[in-house]
Amino acid sequence: MIETESLILDKAKFSDWKEMYCNVWSQPESAKYMEWNITTSEENAKIRIMKTIAFQKEHDTYLVYEKATGKAIGFAGVEKIEPYIYQEAGICLGPDYVGKGFGKQILQVLIQYCKEEFSAKKFIYSTREENRASNQLAKSLGFTVISSVPKTDSKDGHSYNLLQYSLKL
């Protein structure tokens, strides 16, 4: 478990399926800049939470819970890409939880986690060029752009640039 001022990052439980379905997985706004499709039924949400639980057993990925309510409101994680170099493995919040400073809290705590747990020396953060909020977040924390990679969205086939940011720790 990882804590911030307002959030808890922890491993998923089966009982989280409904909140994740309602708050995140069924929301087109949540999937807009992500490489996953929305979940369209409660049955599919139950299957998705089971897959999430299995995935989280082998990865540093978590659901994000709002401390004030205990509700599951998103997900986040990190992964090692080279010795002492880590990157975020996706940060996603439900649309009702965007614009409250939660993304900044998540990114800051993931960076701190990598420094403390893995002695990370560099942290990579990637976001689509058109995702203004995520780009502003990276800049506000002192990240610098290191590359722009042309990509194709697997959901609708449109082209976009993936900006990769780096922060020396």
N, C-alpha and C. Protein backbone atom coordinates (compact mmCIF):
# COMPACT_ATOMS: atom_id res chain seq x y z
N MET A 1 0.84 -1.19 0.00
CA MET A 1 0.00 0.00 0.00
C MET A 1 0.89 1.25 0.00
N ILE A 2 0.48 2.23 -0.79
CA ILE A 2 1.18 3.50 -0.91
C ILE A 2 0.16 4.60 -0.62
N GLU A 3 0.54 5.58 0.20
CA GLU A 3 -0.41 6.63 0.56
C GLU A 3 0.07 8.01 0.14
N THR A 4 -0.89 8.86 -0.20
CA THR A 4 -0.64 10.28 -0.41
C THR A 4 -1.55 11.02 0.58
N GLU A 5 -1.58 12.32 0.47
CA GLU A 5 -2.44 13.12 1.34
C GLU A 5 -3.91 12.72 1.20
N SER A 6 -4.37 12.48 -0.02
CA SER A 6 -5.79 12.23 -0.28
C SER A 6 -6.10 10.85 -0.81
N LEU A 7 -5.07 10.05 -1.12
CA LEU A 7 -5.28 8.80 -1.84
C LEU A 7 -4.54 7.63 -1.21
N ILE A 8 -5.03 6.44 -1.53
CA ILE A 8 -4.34 5.19 -1.19
C ILE A 8 -4.20 4.40 -2.49
N LEU A 9 -3.00 3.93 -2.79
CA LEU A 9 -2.76 3.03 -3.91
C LEU A 9 -2.58 1.65 -3.31
N ASP A 10 -3.42 0.71 -3.71
CA ASP A 10 -3.36 -0.63 -3.13
C ASP A 10 -3.81 -1.64 -4.17
N LYS A 11 -3.54 -2.90 -3.89
CA LYS A 11 -3.93 -3.98 -4.79
C LYS A 11 -5.46 -4.11 -4.82
N ALA A 12 -5.96 -4.48 -5.98
CA ALA A 12 -7.40 -4.62 -6.18
C ALA A 12 -7.97 -5.80 -5.41
N LYS A 13 -9.24 -5.66 -5.06
CA LYS A 13 -10.03 -6.74 -4.46
C LYS A 13 -11.24 -6.97 -5.37
N PHE A 14 -11.79 -8.17 -5.35
CA PHE A 14 -12.93 -8.45 -6.23
C PHE A 14 -14.07 -7.46 -5.98
N SER A 15 -14.27 -7.08 -4.74
CA SER A 15 -15.37 -6.17 -4.39
C SER A 15 -15.22 -4.77 -5.02
N ASP A 16 -14.06 -4.47 -5.59
CA ASP A 16 -13.84 -3.17 -6.24
C ASP A 16 -14.46 -3.10 -7.64
N TRP A 17 -14.95 -4.22 -8.16
CA TRP A 17 -15.39 -4.24 -9.55
C TRP A 17 -16.44 -3.18 -9.85
N LYS A 18 -17.41 -3.00 -8.96
CA LYS A 18 -18.52 -2.08 -9.25
C LYS A 18 -18.05 -0.62 -9.27
N GLU A 19 -17.22 -0.23 -8.29
CA GLU A 19 -16.73 1.15 -8.28
C GLU A 19 -15.83 1.42 -9.48
N MET A 20 -14.97 0.47 -9.83
CA MET A 20 -14.12 0.66 -11.00
C MET A 20 -14.97 0.74 -12.27
N TYR A 21 -16.01 -0.08 -12.35
CA TYR A 21 -16.91 -0.05 -13.50
C TYR A 21 -17.60 1.31 -13.59
N CYS A 22 -18.20 1.75 -12.50
CA CYS A 22 -18.95 3.01 -12.50
C CYS A 22 -18.05 4.24 -12.64
N ASN A 23 -16.94 4.25 -11.93
CA ASN A 23 -16.09 5.44 -11.87
C ASN A 23 -15.08 5.56 -13.00
N VAL A 24 -14.63 4.42 -13.56
CA VAL A 24 -13.51 4.47 -14.51
C VAL A 24 -13.78 3.69 -15.78
N TRP A 25 -13.94 2.38 -15.66
CA TRP A 25 -13.94 1.50 -16.83
C TRP A 25 -15.07 1.74 -17.82
N SER A 26 -16.21 2.25 -17.37
CA SER A 26 -17.34 2.49 -18.28
C SER A 26 -17.33 3.92 -18.83
N GLN A 27 -16.35 4.71 -18.45
CA GLN A 27 -16.31 6.13 -18.80
C GLN A 27 -15.44 6.40 -20.03
N PRO A 28 -16.05 6.84 -21.14
CA PRO A 28 -15.25 7.14 -22.33
C PRO A 28 -14.15 8.18 -22.07
N GLU A 29 -14.41 9.14 -21.17
CA GLU A 29 -13.41 10.16 -20.85
C GLU A 29 -12.16 9.53 -20.24
N SER A 30 -12.34 8.46 -19.45
CA SER A 30 -11.20 7.80 -18.81
C SER A 30 -10.32 7.09 -19.83
N ALA A 31 -10.93 6.54 -20.86
CA ALA A 31 -10.20 5.76 -21.86
C ALA A 31 -9.66 6.61 -23.01
N LYS A 32 -10.02 7.88 -23.05
CA LYS A 32 -9.69 8.74 -24.20
C LYS A 32 -8.22 8.68 -24.61
N TYR A 33 -7.30 8.77 -23.66
CA TYR A 33 -5.87 8.79 -23.98
C TYR A 33 -5.18 7.47 -23.63
N MET A 34 -5.97 6.44 -23.38
CA MET A 34 -5.42 5.15 -22.95
C MET A 34 -5.59 4.11 -24.06
N GLU A 35 -4.82 3.03 -23.95
CA GLU A 35 -4.88 1.95 -24.94
C GLU A 35 -5.78 0.82 -24.45
N TRP A 36 -6.97 1.16 -23.97
CA TRP A 36 -7.95 0.15 -23.59
C TRP A 36 -9.34 0.67 -23.94
N ASN A 37 -10.24 -0.27 -24.12
CA ASN A 37 -11.62 0.06 -24.45
C ASN A 37 -12.47 0.06 -23.20
N ILE A 38 -13.55 0.85 -23.23
CA ILE A 38 -14.43 0.88 -22.07
C ILE A 38 -15.10 -0.48 -21.87
N THR A 39 -15.46 -0.73 -20.62
CA THR A 39 -16.18 -1.95 -20.25
C THR A 39 -17.66 -1.61 -20.30
N THR A 40 -18.44 -2.46 -20.98
CA THR A 40 -19.82 -2.11 -21.27
C THR A 40 -20.87 -2.87 -20.48
N SER A 41 -20.45 -3.73 -19.55
CA SER A 41 -21.44 -4.45 -18.74
C SER A 41 -20.84 -4.81 -17.38
N GLU A 42 -21.71 -5.03 -16.42
CA GLU A 42 -21.26 -5.43 -15.09
C GLU A 42 -20.56 -6.78 -15.14
N GLU A 43 -21.05 -7.69 -15.96
CA GLU A 43 -20.40 -9.00 -16.08
C GLU A 43 -18.97 -8.86 -16.59
N ASN A 44 -18.79 -8.00 -17.60
CA ASN A 44 -17.44 -7.77 -18.11
C ASN A 44 -16.55 -7.08 -17.07
N ALA A 45 -17.15 -6.24 -16.24
CA ALA A 45 -16.38 -5.58 -15.17
C ALA A 45 -15.89 -6.61 -14.15
N LYS A 46 -16.70 -7.61 -13.86
CA LYS A 46 -16.29 -8.67 -12.93
C LYS A 46 -15.12 -9.47 -13.51
N ILE A 47 -15.19 -9.74 -14.80
CA ILE A 47 -14.08 -10.43 -15.47
C ILE A 47 -12.83 -9.56 -15.46
N ARG A 48 -13.03 -8.27 -15.73
CA ARG A 48 -11.89 -7.35 -15.77
C ARG A 48 -11.21 -7.23 -14.41
N ILE A 49 -11.99 -7.20 -13.32
CA ILE A 49 -11.35 -7.08 -12.00
C ILE A 49 -10.56 -8.35 -11.68
N MET A 50 -11.04 -9.50 -12.12
CA MET A 50 -10.29 -10.74 -11.89
C MET A 50 -8.97 -10.71 -12.67
N LYS A 51 -9.00 -10.20 -13.90
CA LYS A 51 -7.77 -10.06 -14.69
C LYS A 51 -6.83 -9.04 -14.05
N THR A 52 -7.41 -7.98 -13.52
CA THR A 52 -6.61 -6.95 -12.84
C THR A 52 -5.91 -7.53 -11.62
N ILE A 53 -6.63 -8.29 -10.82
CA ILE A 53 -6.07 -8.91 -9.61
C ILE A 53 -4.91 -9.83 -9.99
N ALA A 54 -5.11 -10.64 -11.03
CA ALA A 54 -4.05 -11.55 -11.48
C ALA A 54 -2.83 -10.77 -11.98
N PHE A 55 -3.06 -9.73 -12.76
CA PHE A 55 -1.97 -8.91 -13.30
C PHE A 55 -1.19 -8.24 -12.16
N GLN A 56 -1.91 -7.72 -11.18
CA GLN A 56 -1.26 -7.00 -10.09
C GLN A 56 -0.39 -7.89 -9.21
N LYS A 57 -0.63 -9.19 -9.23
CA LYS A 57 0.21 -10.10 -8.45
C LYS A 57 1.65 -10.11 -8.96
N GLU A 58 1.84 -9.82 -10.24
CA GLU A 58 3.16 -9.87 -10.87
C GLU A 58 3.73 -8.50 -11.22
N HIS A 59 2.98 -7.43 -10.95
CA HIS A 59 3.40 -6.09 -11.37
C HIS A 59 3.18 -5.07 -10.26
N ASP A 60 3.94 -3.98 -10.33
CA ASP A 60 3.78 -2.85 -9.40
C ASP A 60 2.68 -1.93 -9.92
N THR A 61 1.47 -2.46 -9.94
CA THR A 61 0.31 -1.68 -10.36
C THR A 61 -0.75 -1.76 -9.27
N TYR A 62 -1.56 -0.71 -9.19
CA TYR A 62 -2.48 -0.56 -8.07
C TYR A 62 -3.78 0.09 -8.51
N LEU A 63 -4.82 -0.14 -7.73
CA LEU A 63 -6.00 0.70 -7.86
C LEU A 63 -5.75 1.93 -6.99
N VAL A 64 -6.43 3.01 -7.35
CA VAL A 64 -6.34 4.26 -6.59
C VAL A 64 -7.66 4.44 -5.85
N TYR A 65 -7.56 4.65 -4.54
CA TYR A 65 -8.73 4.84 -3.69
C TYR A 65 -8.70 6.24 -3.10
N GLU A 66 -9.84 6.89 -3.09
CA GLU A 66 -9.96 8.19 -2.44
C GLU A 66 -10.08 7.96 -0.93
N LYS A 67 -9.19 8.56 -0.15
CA LYS A 67 -9.22 8.37 1.30
C LYS A 67 -10.54 8.80 1.93
N ALA A 68 -11.07 9.94 1.48
CA ALA A 68 -12.27 10.51 2.10
C ALA A 68 -13.48 9.58 2.01
N THR A 69 -13.56 8.82 0.91
CA THR A 69 -14.74 7.96 0.69
C THR A 69 -14.41 6.48 0.67
N GLY A 70 -13.15 6.14 0.46
CA GLY A 70 -12.75 4.74 0.32
C GLY A 70 -13.06 4.16 -1.05
N LYS A 71 -13.59 4.98 -1.96
CA LYS A 71 -13.97 4.51 -3.28
C LYS A 71 -12.77 4.30 -4.20
N ALA A 72 -12.87 3.25 -5.03
CA ALA A 72 -11.89 3.02 -6.09
C ALA A 72 -12.18 4.01 -7.21
N ILE A 73 -11.18 4.85 -7.54
CA ILE A 73 -11.41 5.94 -8.49
C ILE A 73 -10.44 5.93 -9.68
N GLY A 74 -9.53 4.94 -9.71
CA GLY A 74 -8.57 4.91 -10.81
C GLY A 74 -7.55 3.81 -10.63
N PHE A 75 -6.49 3.90 -11.43
CA PHE A 75 -5.39 2.94 -11.31
C PHE A 75 -4.08 3.61 -11.70
N ALA A 76 -2.99 3.02 -11.25
CA ALA A 76 -1.66 3.57 -11.53
C ALA A 76 -0.62 2.49 -11.26
N GLY A 77 0.58 2.71 -11.79
CA GLY A 77 1.65 1.76 -11.51
C GLY A 77 2.96 2.20 -12.12
N VAL A 78 3.99 1.41 -11.83
CA VAL A 78 5.33 1.66 -12.35
C VAL A 78 5.93 0.36 -12.86
N GLU A 79 6.94 0.50 -13.72
CA GLU A 79 7.67 -0.67 -14.20
C GLU A 79 9.12 -0.28 -14.45
N LYS A 80 9.99 -1.26 -14.25
CA LYS A 80 11.42 -1.07 -14.50
C LYS A 80 11.67 -1.23 -16.00
N ILE A 81 12.43 -0.29 -16.58
CA ILE A 81 12.75 -0.42 -18.00
C ILE A 81 14.23 -0.69 -18.22
N GLU A 82 15.05 -0.28 -17.28
CA GLU A 82 16.50 -0.55 -17.29
C GLU A 82 16.94 -0.47 -15.84
N PRO A 83 18.15 -0.95 -15.54
CA PRO A 83 18.61 -0.79 -14.15
C PRO A 83 18.53 0.68 -13.72
N TYR A 84 17.87 0.92 -12.61
CA TYR A 84 17.72 2.25 -11.99
C TYR A 84 16.86 3.22 -12.80
N ILE A 85 16.18 2.72 -13.82
CA ILE A 85 15.29 3.57 -14.62
C ILE A 85 13.89 2.95 -14.60
N TYR A 86 12.93 3.75 -14.14
CA TYR A 86 11.55 3.30 -14.02
C TYR A 86 10.64 4.25 -14.78
N GLN A 87 9.47 3.73 -15.13
CA GLN A 87 8.48 4.57 -15.80
C GLN A 87 7.10 4.28 -15.22
N GLU A 88 6.23 5.26 -15.37
CA GLU A 88 4.85 5.01 -14.96
C GLU A 88 4.27 4.03 -15.96
N ALA A 89 3.40 3.16 -15.46
CA ALA A 89 2.79 2.13 -16.29
C ALA A 89 1.31 2.44 -16.52
N GLY A 90 1.01 3.72 -16.61
CA GLY A 90 -0.36 4.17 -16.79
C GLY A 90 -0.91 4.78 -15.51
N ILE A 91 -1.47 5.96 -15.65
CA ILE A 91 -2.17 6.62 -14.56
C ILE A 91 -3.52 7.02 -15.12
N CYS A 92 -4.58 6.58 -14.46
CA CYS A 92 -5.92 6.86 -14.96
C CYS A 92 -6.85 7.14 -13.79
N LEU A 93 -7.63 8.20 -13.92
CA LEU A 93 -8.64 8.54 -12.92
C LEU A 93 -9.99 8.67 -13.61
N GLY A 94 -11.05 8.35 -12.88
CA GLY A 94 -12.39 8.57 -13.39
C GLY A 94 -12.63 10.05 -13.61
N PRO A 95 -13.50 10.42 -14.55
CA PRO A 95 -13.71 11.83 -14.89
C PRO A 95 -14.16 12.70 -13.71
N ASP A 96 -14.85 12.14 -12.74
CA ASP A 96 -15.28 12.92 -11.58
C ASP A 96 -14.13 13.25 -10.64
N TYR A 97 -12.96 12.67 -10.88
CA TYR A 97 -11.82 12.83 -9.97
C TYR A 97 -10.64 13.54 -10.63
N VAL A 98 -10.86 14.05 -11.83
CA VAL A 98 -9.83 14.79 -12.57
C VAL A 98 -9.91 16.27 -12.17
N GLY A 99 -8.78 16.94 -12.14
CA GLY A 99 -8.77 18.37 -11.82
C GLY A 99 -8.77 18.66 -10.33
N LYS A 100 -8.50 17.67 -9.51
CA LYS A 100 -8.49 17.83 -8.05
C LYS A 100 -7.09 17.70 -7.46
N GLY A 101 -6.08 17.60 -8.34
CA GLY A 101 -4.71 17.44 -7.86
C GLY A 101 -4.32 16.00 -7.58
N PHE A 102 -5.23 15.05 -7.86
CA PHE A 102 -4.95 13.64 -7.58
C PHE A 102 -3.87 13.08 -8.49
N GLY A 103 -3.88 13.48 -9.77
CA GLY A 103 -2.85 13.00 -10.70
C GLY A 103 -1.46 13.40 -10.23
N LYS A 104 -1.33 14.62 -9.74
CA LYS A 104 -0.04 15.10 -9.24
C LYS A 104 0.38 14.29 -8.02
N GLN A 105 -0.56 14.04 -7.10
CA GLN A 105 -0.23 13.24 -5.92
C GLN A 105 0.24 11.84 -6.32
N ILE A 106 -0.45 11.25 -7.30
CA ILE A 106 -0.09 9.90 -7.75
C ILE A 106 1.31 9.89 -8.35
N LEU A 107 1.57 10.80 -9.28
CA LEU A 107 2.88 10.82 -9.94
C LEU A 107 3.99 11.08 -8.92
N GLN A 108 3.78 12.01 -8.01
CA GLN A 108 4.79 12.29 -6.99
C GLN A 108 5.07 11.08 -6.11
N VAL A 109 4.04 10.37 -5.70
CA VAL A 109 4.25 9.22 -4.81
C VAL A 109 4.87 8.05 -5.57
N LEU A 110 4.57 7.89 -6.85
CA LEU A 110 5.21 6.83 -7.64
C LEU A 110 6.70 7.11 -7.81
N ILE A 111 7.05 8.36 -8.03
CA ILE A 111 8.46 8.74 -8.14
C ILE A 111 9.17 8.45 -6.82
N GLN A 112 8.56 8.86 -5.72
CA GLN A 112 9.15 8.64 -4.39
C GLN A 112 9.29 7.15 -4.11
N TYR A 113 8.28 6.37 -4.46
CA TYR A 113 8.30 4.91 -4.28
C TYR A 113 9.49 4.30 -5.03
N CYS A 114 9.70 4.71 -6.27
CA CYS A 114 10.82 4.16 -7.06
C CYS A 114 12.17 4.57 -6.48
N LYS A 115 12.27 5.78 -5.97
CA LYS A 115 13.52 6.22 -5.34
C LYS A 115 13.80 5.40 -4.08
N GLU A 116 12.79 5.24 -3.24
CA GLU A 116 12.99 4.57 -1.96
C GLU A 116 13.12 3.05 -2.08
N GLU A 117 12.29 2.44 -2.90
CA GLU A 117 12.26 0.97 -2.99
C GLU A 117 13.31 0.40 -3.94
N PHE A 118 13.63 1.14 -4.99
CA PHE A 118 14.49 0.60 -6.04
C PHE A 118 15.74 1.43 -6.31
N SER A 119 15.96 2.47 -5.54
CA SER A 119 17.09 3.39 -5.75
C SER A 119 17.12 3.93 -7.18
N ALA A 120 15.93 4.22 -7.71
CA ALA A 120 15.82 4.74 -9.08
C ALA A 120 16.61 6.03 -9.23
N LYS A 121 17.23 6.18 -10.40
CA LYS A 121 18.02 7.37 -10.73
C LYS A 121 17.31 8.24 -11.77
N LYS A 122 16.37 7.62 -12.49
CA LYS A 122 15.65 8.34 -13.54
C LYS A 122 14.22 7.80 -13.58
N PHE A 123 13.27 8.70 -13.87
CA PHE A 123 11.87 8.30 -13.98
C PHE A 123 11.34 8.84 -15.31
N ILE A 124 10.68 7.97 -16.07
CA ILE A 124 10.13 8.32 -17.38
C ILE A 124 8.61 8.41 -17.26
N TYR A 125 8.06 9.45 -17.87
CA TYR A 125 6.61 9.68 -17.88
C TYR A 125 6.21 9.93 -19.33
N SER A 126 5.22 9.20 -19.81
CA SER A 126 4.79 9.34 -21.21
C SER A 126 3.33 9.76 -21.27
N THR A 127 3.03 10.62 -22.24
CA THR A 127 1.66 11.06 -22.44
C THR A 127 1.47 11.50 -23.89
N ARG A 128 0.25 11.43 -24.33
CA ARG A 128 -0.04 11.90 -25.68
C ARG A 128 0.10 13.42 -25.74
N GLU A 129 0.58 13.89 -26.87
CA GLU A 129 0.81 15.32 -27.05
C GLU A 129 -0.47 16.12 -26.82
N GLU A 130 -1.61 15.59 -27.24
CA GLU A 130 -2.87 16.34 -27.11
C GLU A 130 -3.45 16.31 -25.69
N ASN A 131 -2.88 15.53 -24.80
CA ASN A 131 -3.35 15.47 -23.42
C ASN A 131 -2.71 16.62 -22.63
N ARG A 132 -3.33 17.78 -22.71
CA ARG A 132 -2.75 18.99 -22.12
C ARG A 132 -2.53 18.88 -20.62
N ALA A 133 -3.50 18.31 -19.92
CA ALA A 133 -3.38 18.21 -18.45
C ALA A 133 -2.17 17.37 -18.06
N SER A 134 -1.95 16.24 -18.73
CA SER A 134 -0.82 15.38 -18.39
C SER A 134 0.51 16.02 -18.76
N ASN A 135 0.54 16.75 -19.87
CA ASN A 135 1.76 17.46 -20.25
C ASN A 135 2.08 18.56 -19.24
N GLN A 136 1.06 19.27 -18.80
CA GLN A 136 1.26 20.33 -17.80
C GLN A 136 1.74 19.73 -16.48
N LEU A 137 1.19 18.57 -16.12
CA LEU A 137 1.62 17.88 -14.90
C LEU A 137 3.11 17.55 -14.96
N ALA A 138 3.54 16.97 -16.07
CA ALA A 138 4.96 16.61 -16.22
C ALA A 138 5.85 17.84 -16.06
N LYS A 139 5.48 18.91 -16.73
CA LYS A 139 6.29 20.13 -16.67
C LYS A 139 6.30 20.71 -15.25
N SER A 140 5.17 20.64 -14.56
CA SER A 140 5.09 21.22 -13.21
C SER A 140 5.98 20.49 -12.21
N LEU A 141 6.31 19.23 -12.51
CA LEU A 141 7.16 18.45 -11.62
C LEU A 141 8.62 18.43 -12.07
N GLY A 142 8.94 19.22 -13.10
CA GLY A 142 10.33 19.35 -13.53
C GLY A 142 10.79 18.36 -14.57
N PHE A 143 9.87 17.61 -15.18
CA PHE A 143 10.24 16.68 -16.25
C PHE A 143 10.63 17.47 -17.49
N THR A 144 11.50 16.89 -18.32
CA THR A 144 11.85 17.47 -19.61
C THR A 144 11.56 16.46 -20.71
N VAL A 145 11.11 16.96 -21.86
CA VAL A 145 10.80 16.09 -23.00
C VAL A 145 12.09 15.50 -23.54
N ILE A 146 12.09 14.17 -23.73
CA ILE A 146 13.27 13.52 -24.31
C ILE A 146 12.99 12.93 -25.69
N SER A 147 11.69 12.73 -26.02
CA SER A 147 11.37 12.22 -27.35
C SER A 147 9.90 12.41 -27.67
N SER A 148 9.61 12.37 -28.96
CA SER A 148 8.24 12.39 -29.47
C SER A 148 8.15 11.23 -30.45
N VAL A 149 7.30 10.26 -30.13
CA VAL A 149 7.21 9.04 -30.92
C VAL A 149 5.86 8.97 -31.63
N PRO A 150 5.86 8.91 -32.97
CA PRO A 150 4.59 8.76 -33.69
C PRO A 150 3.96 7.40 -33.38
N LYS A 151 2.66 7.40 -33.09
CA LYS A 151 1.94 6.18 -32.74
C LYS A 151 0.60 6.17 -33.46
N THR A 152 -0.03 5.01 -33.47
CA THR A 152 -1.38 4.86 -34.00
C THR A 152 -2.26 4.28 -32.91
N ASP A 153 -3.39 4.93 -32.67
CA ASP A 153 -4.32 4.48 -31.65
C ASP A 153 -4.93 3.15 -32.07
N SER A 154 -4.81 2.15 -31.21
CA SER A 154 -5.32 0.81 -31.55
C SER A 154 -6.84 0.75 -31.53
N LYS A 155 -7.50 1.72 -30.92
CA LYS A 155 -8.96 1.71 -30.85
C LYS A 155 -9.61 2.27 -32.10
N ASP A 156 -9.08 3.41 -32.60
CA ASP A 156 -9.74 4.06 -33.73
C ASP A 156 -8.82 4.35 -34.91
N GLY A 157 -7.54 3.99 -34.79
CA GLY A 157 -6.62 4.14 -35.90
C GLY A 157 -6.05 5.52 -36.14
N HIS A 158 -6.42 6.50 -35.30
CA HIS A 158 -5.88 7.85 -35.54
C HIS A 158 -4.42 7.95 -35.07
N SER A 159 -3.69 8.82 -35.74
CA SER A 159 -2.27 9.02 -35.41
C SER A 159 -2.13 10.04 -34.29
N TYR A 160 -1.12 9.82 -33.46
CA TYR A 160 -0.82 10.78 -32.40
C TYR A 160 0.67 10.70 -32.08
N ASN A 161 1.15 11.69 -31.37
CA ASN A 161 2.53 11.70 -30.90
C ASN A 161 2.55 11.39 -29.41
N LEU A 162 3.39 10.44 -29.03
CA LEU A 162 3.58 10.11 -27.62
C LEU A 162 4.83 10.85 -27.15
N LEU A 163 4.64 11.79 -26.24
CA LEU A 163 5.77 12.53 -25.68
C LEU A 163 6.32 11.76 -24.49
N GLN A 164 7.62 11.59 -24.48
CA GLN A 164 8.27 10.92 -23.36
C GLN A 164 9.08 11.97 -22.60
N TYR A 165 8.83 12.02 -21.30
CA TYR A 165 9.49 12.96 -20.41
C TYR A 165 10.43 12.20 -19.49
N SER A 166 11.48 12.87 -19.05
CA SER A 166 12.43 12.26 -18.13
C SER A 166 12.66 13.19 -16.94
N LEU A 167 12.84 12.59 -15.78
CA LEU A 167 13.17 13.33 -14.57
C LEU A 167 14.34 12.63 -13.90
N LYS A 168 15.43 13.36 -13.72
CA LYS A 168 16.58 12.81 -13.01
C LYS A 168 16.28 12.86 -11.52
N LEU A 169 16.49 11.73 -10.84
CA LEU A 169 16.16 11.66 -9.41
C LEU A 169 17.39 11.83 -8.54
